[in-house]
N, C-alpha and C. Protein backbone atom coordinates (compact mmCIF):
# COMPACT_ATOMS: atom_id res chain seq x y z
N MET A 1 0.85 -1.16 0.00
CA MET A 1 0.00 0.00 0.00
C MET A 1 0.90 1.23 0.00
N VAL A 2 0.49 2.26 -0.76
CA VAL A 2 1.24 3.50 -0.86
C VAL A 2 0.28 4.66 -0.64
N TYR A 3 0.70 5.62 0.16
CA TYR A 3 -0.12 6.79 0.50
C TYR A 3 0.67 8.06 0.20
N ASN A 4 -0.01 9.05 -0.35
CA ASN A 4 0.61 10.35 -0.63
C ASN A 4 -0.06 11.41 0.23
N PRO A 5 0.58 11.88 1.30
CA PRO A 5 -0.02 12.90 2.16
C PRO A 5 0.20 14.33 1.65
N LEU A 6 0.91 14.48 0.55
CA LEU A 6 1.29 15.80 0.06
C LEU A 6 0.17 16.48 -0.72
N ASP A 7 0.35 17.78 -0.97
CA ASP A 7 -0.63 18.55 -1.73
C ASP A 7 -0.22 18.65 -3.21
N ARG A 8 0.56 17.67 -3.66
CA ARG A 8 0.95 17.58 -5.07
C ARG A 8 1.08 16.11 -5.45
N GLU A 9 0.90 15.83 -6.74
CA GLU A 9 1.04 14.46 -7.22
C GLU A 9 2.49 14.00 -7.06
N VAL A 10 2.67 12.73 -6.79
CA VAL A 10 4.01 12.16 -6.64
C VAL A 10 4.20 11.09 -7.71
N ARG A 11 5.32 11.19 -8.42
CA ARG A 11 5.72 10.18 -9.40
C ARG A 11 7.11 9.70 -9.00
N LYS A 12 7.22 8.39 -8.77
CA LYS A 12 8.49 7.79 -8.35
C LYS A 12 8.59 6.38 -8.90
N THR A 13 9.77 5.84 -8.78
CA THR A 13 9.99 4.42 -9.06
C THR A 13 10.42 3.78 -7.75
N LEU A 14 9.61 2.83 -7.29
CA LEU A 14 9.91 2.13 -6.05
C LEU A 14 10.62 0.82 -6.37
N THR A 15 11.63 0.50 -5.58
CA THR A 15 12.29 -0.80 -5.67
C THR A 15 11.64 -1.69 -4.62
N VAL A 16 11.00 -2.77 -5.10
CA VAL A 16 10.25 -3.65 -4.20
C VAL A 16 10.97 -4.99 -4.09
N PRO A 17 11.44 -5.35 -2.90
CA PRO A 17 12.09 -6.65 -2.73
C PRO A 17 11.05 -7.76 -2.64
N LEU A 18 11.20 -8.78 -3.47
CA LEU A 18 10.24 -9.90 -3.49
C LEU A 18 10.91 -11.23 -3.19
N TYR A 19 12.09 -11.20 -2.60
CA TYR A 19 12.86 -12.41 -2.34
C TYR A 19 12.07 -13.43 -1.52
N TYR A 20 11.45 -13.00 -0.45
CA TYR A 20 10.76 -13.93 0.45
C TYR A 20 9.38 -14.35 -0.02
N THR A 21 8.96 -13.90 -1.20
CA THR A 21 7.66 -14.32 -1.74
C THR A 21 7.75 -15.67 -2.43
N GLY A 22 8.96 -16.08 -2.78
CA GLY A 22 9.12 -17.33 -3.51
C GLY A 22 8.99 -17.17 -5.02
N LEU A 23 8.75 -15.94 -5.48
CA LEU A 23 8.64 -15.70 -6.92
C LEU A 23 10.02 -15.76 -7.55
N LYS A 24 10.10 -16.34 -8.73
CA LYS A 24 11.37 -16.47 -9.46
C LYS A 24 11.20 -15.95 -10.88
N GLY A 25 12.12 -15.13 -11.34
CA GLY A 25 12.13 -14.69 -12.73
C GLY A 25 11.18 -13.54 -13.06
N THR A 26 9.90 -13.78 -12.87
CA THR A 26 8.90 -12.75 -13.17
C THR A 26 7.83 -12.73 -12.07
N ALA A 27 7.08 -11.64 -12.04
CA ALA A 27 5.97 -11.50 -11.11
C ALA A 27 4.82 -10.83 -11.85
N ALA A 28 3.61 -11.26 -11.57
CA ALA A 28 2.42 -10.58 -12.08
C ALA A 28 2.06 -9.50 -11.07
N VAL A 29 1.94 -8.27 -11.53
CA VAL A 29 1.69 -7.13 -10.65
C VAL A 29 0.36 -6.49 -11.03
N ARG A 30 -0.52 -6.34 -10.03
CA ARG A 30 -1.81 -5.68 -10.24
C ARG A 30 -1.90 -4.46 -9.33
N GLN A 31 -2.37 -3.35 -9.88
CA GLN A 31 -2.64 -2.17 -9.06
C GLN A 31 -4.13 -2.15 -8.77
N ARG A 32 -4.46 -2.10 -7.50
CA ARG A 32 -5.85 -2.18 -7.04
C ARG A 32 -6.49 -3.42 -7.64
N ASP A 33 -7.61 -3.27 -8.33
CA ASP A 33 -8.30 -4.42 -8.92
C ASP A 33 -8.09 -4.49 -10.43
N GLY A 34 -7.04 -3.84 -10.92
CA GLY A 34 -6.76 -3.79 -12.35
C GLY A 34 -6.23 -5.10 -12.89
N SER A 35 -5.93 -5.09 -14.17
CA SER A 35 -5.38 -6.28 -14.80
C SER A 35 -3.90 -6.42 -14.45
N ALA A 36 -3.42 -7.65 -14.52
CA ALA A 36 -2.04 -7.95 -14.13
C ALA A 36 -1.08 -7.64 -15.27
N ALA A 37 0.08 -7.11 -14.91
CA ALA A 37 1.18 -6.90 -15.85
C ALA A 37 2.35 -7.75 -15.38
N THR A 38 3.02 -8.40 -16.29
CA THR A 38 4.17 -9.23 -15.94
C THR A 38 5.43 -8.37 -15.93
N MET A 39 6.17 -8.45 -14.82
CA MET A 39 7.40 -7.68 -14.67
C MET A 39 8.54 -8.63 -14.32
N ALA A 40 9.73 -8.34 -14.85
CA ALA A 40 10.91 -9.17 -14.59
C ALA A 40 11.54 -8.79 -13.25
N LEU A 41 11.98 -9.79 -12.51
CA LEU A 41 12.73 -9.58 -11.28
C LEU A 41 14.21 -9.51 -11.61
N ASP A 42 14.95 -8.68 -10.88
CA ASP A 42 16.39 -8.60 -11.09
C ASP A 42 17.09 -9.76 -10.37
N ALA A 43 18.41 -9.76 -10.37
CA ALA A 43 19.19 -10.85 -9.76
C ALA A 43 18.97 -10.98 -8.26
N GLN A 44 18.54 -9.90 -7.60
CA GLN A 44 18.27 -9.94 -6.16
C GLN A 44 16.77 -10.10 -5.88
N SER A 45 16.00 -10.53 -6.87
CA SER A 45 14.55 -10.74 -6.76
C SER A 45 13.80 -9.47 -6.39
N ARG A 46 14.17 -8.36 -7.03
CA ARG A 46 13.49 -7.08 -6.84
C ARG A 46 12.89 -6.63 -8.16
N ILE A 47 11.86 -5.79 -8.06
CA ILE A 47 11.32 -5.15 -9.26
C ILE A 47 11.38 -3.64 -9.06
N SER A 48 11.44 -2.92 -10.17
CA SER A 48 11.36 -1.46 -10.16
C SER A 48 9.95 -1.10 -10.60
N LEU A 49 9.19 -0.55 -9.68
CA LEU A 49 7.77 -0.29 -9.90
C LEU A 49 7.51 1.21 -10.03
N PRO A 50 7.22 1.69 -11.25
CA PRO A 50 6.91 3.11 -11.42
C PRO A 50 5.49 3.39 -10.90
N ILE A 51 5.36 4.44 -10.09
CA ILE A 51 4.05 4.77 -9.53
C ILE A 51 3.75 6.25 -9.72
N ALA A 52 2.47 6.58 -9.75
CA ALA A 52 1.99 7.96 -9.75
C ALA A 52 0.80 7.98 -8.81
N ILE A 53 0.89 8.83 -7.78
CA ILE A 53 -0.17 8.88 -6.77
C ILE A 53 -0.71 10.30 -6.71
N ALA A 54 -2.02 10.41 -6.80
CA ALA A 54 -2.69 11.71 -6.78
C ALA A 54 -2.53 12.39 -5.42
N VAL A 55 -2.90 13.64 -5.38
CA VAL A 55 -2.87 14.43 -4.13
C VAL A 55 -3.68 13.70 -3.06
N ARG A 56 -3.04 13.47 -1.91
CA ARG A 56 -3.66 12.77 -0.78
C ARG A 56 -4.32 11.45 -1.19
N GLY A 57 -3.71 10.80 -2.17
CA GLY A 57 -4.25 9.54 -2.69
C GLY A 57 -3.64 8.33 -2.04
N VAL A 58 -4.28 7.22 -2.27
CA VAL A 58 -3.80 5.93 -1.76
C VAL A 58 -4.02 4.88 -2.86
N THR A 59 -3.10 3.95 -2.95
CA THR A 59 -3.24 2.83 -3.86
C THR A 59 -2.52 1.63 -3.27
N TRP A 60 -2.73 0.48 -3.86
CA TRP A 60 -2.04 -0.73 -3.40
C TRP A 60 -1.72 -1.61 -4.60
N PHE A 61 -0.80 -2.51 -4.37
CA PHE A 61 -0.34 -3.42 -5.42
C PHE A 61 -0.39 -4.84 -4.90
N VAL A 62 -0.70 -5.78 -5.80
CA VAL A 62 -0.71 -7.20 -5.48
C VAL A 62 0.33 -7.88 -6.37
N PHE A 63 1.20 -8.68 -5.76
CA PHE A 63 2.25 -9.38 -6.48
C PHE A 63 1.95 -10.88 -6.45
N GLU A 64 1.92 -11.49 -7.63
CA GLU A 64 1.61 -12.93 -7.71
C GLU A 64 2.67 -13.63 -8.52
């Protein structure tokens, strides 16, 4: 889950460690209840997740 308490939109790339999830190679990533996108994991089982969060907005991601 990601929350933006600021009075401006935030655009960032988050590095998400997925080592302990047991996922290998790729992960299906869904934002809220949206459709899944397949993303490649790096050598340390992390993904780089670009996000944009509206003013005082909240969103979440599901990794499968």
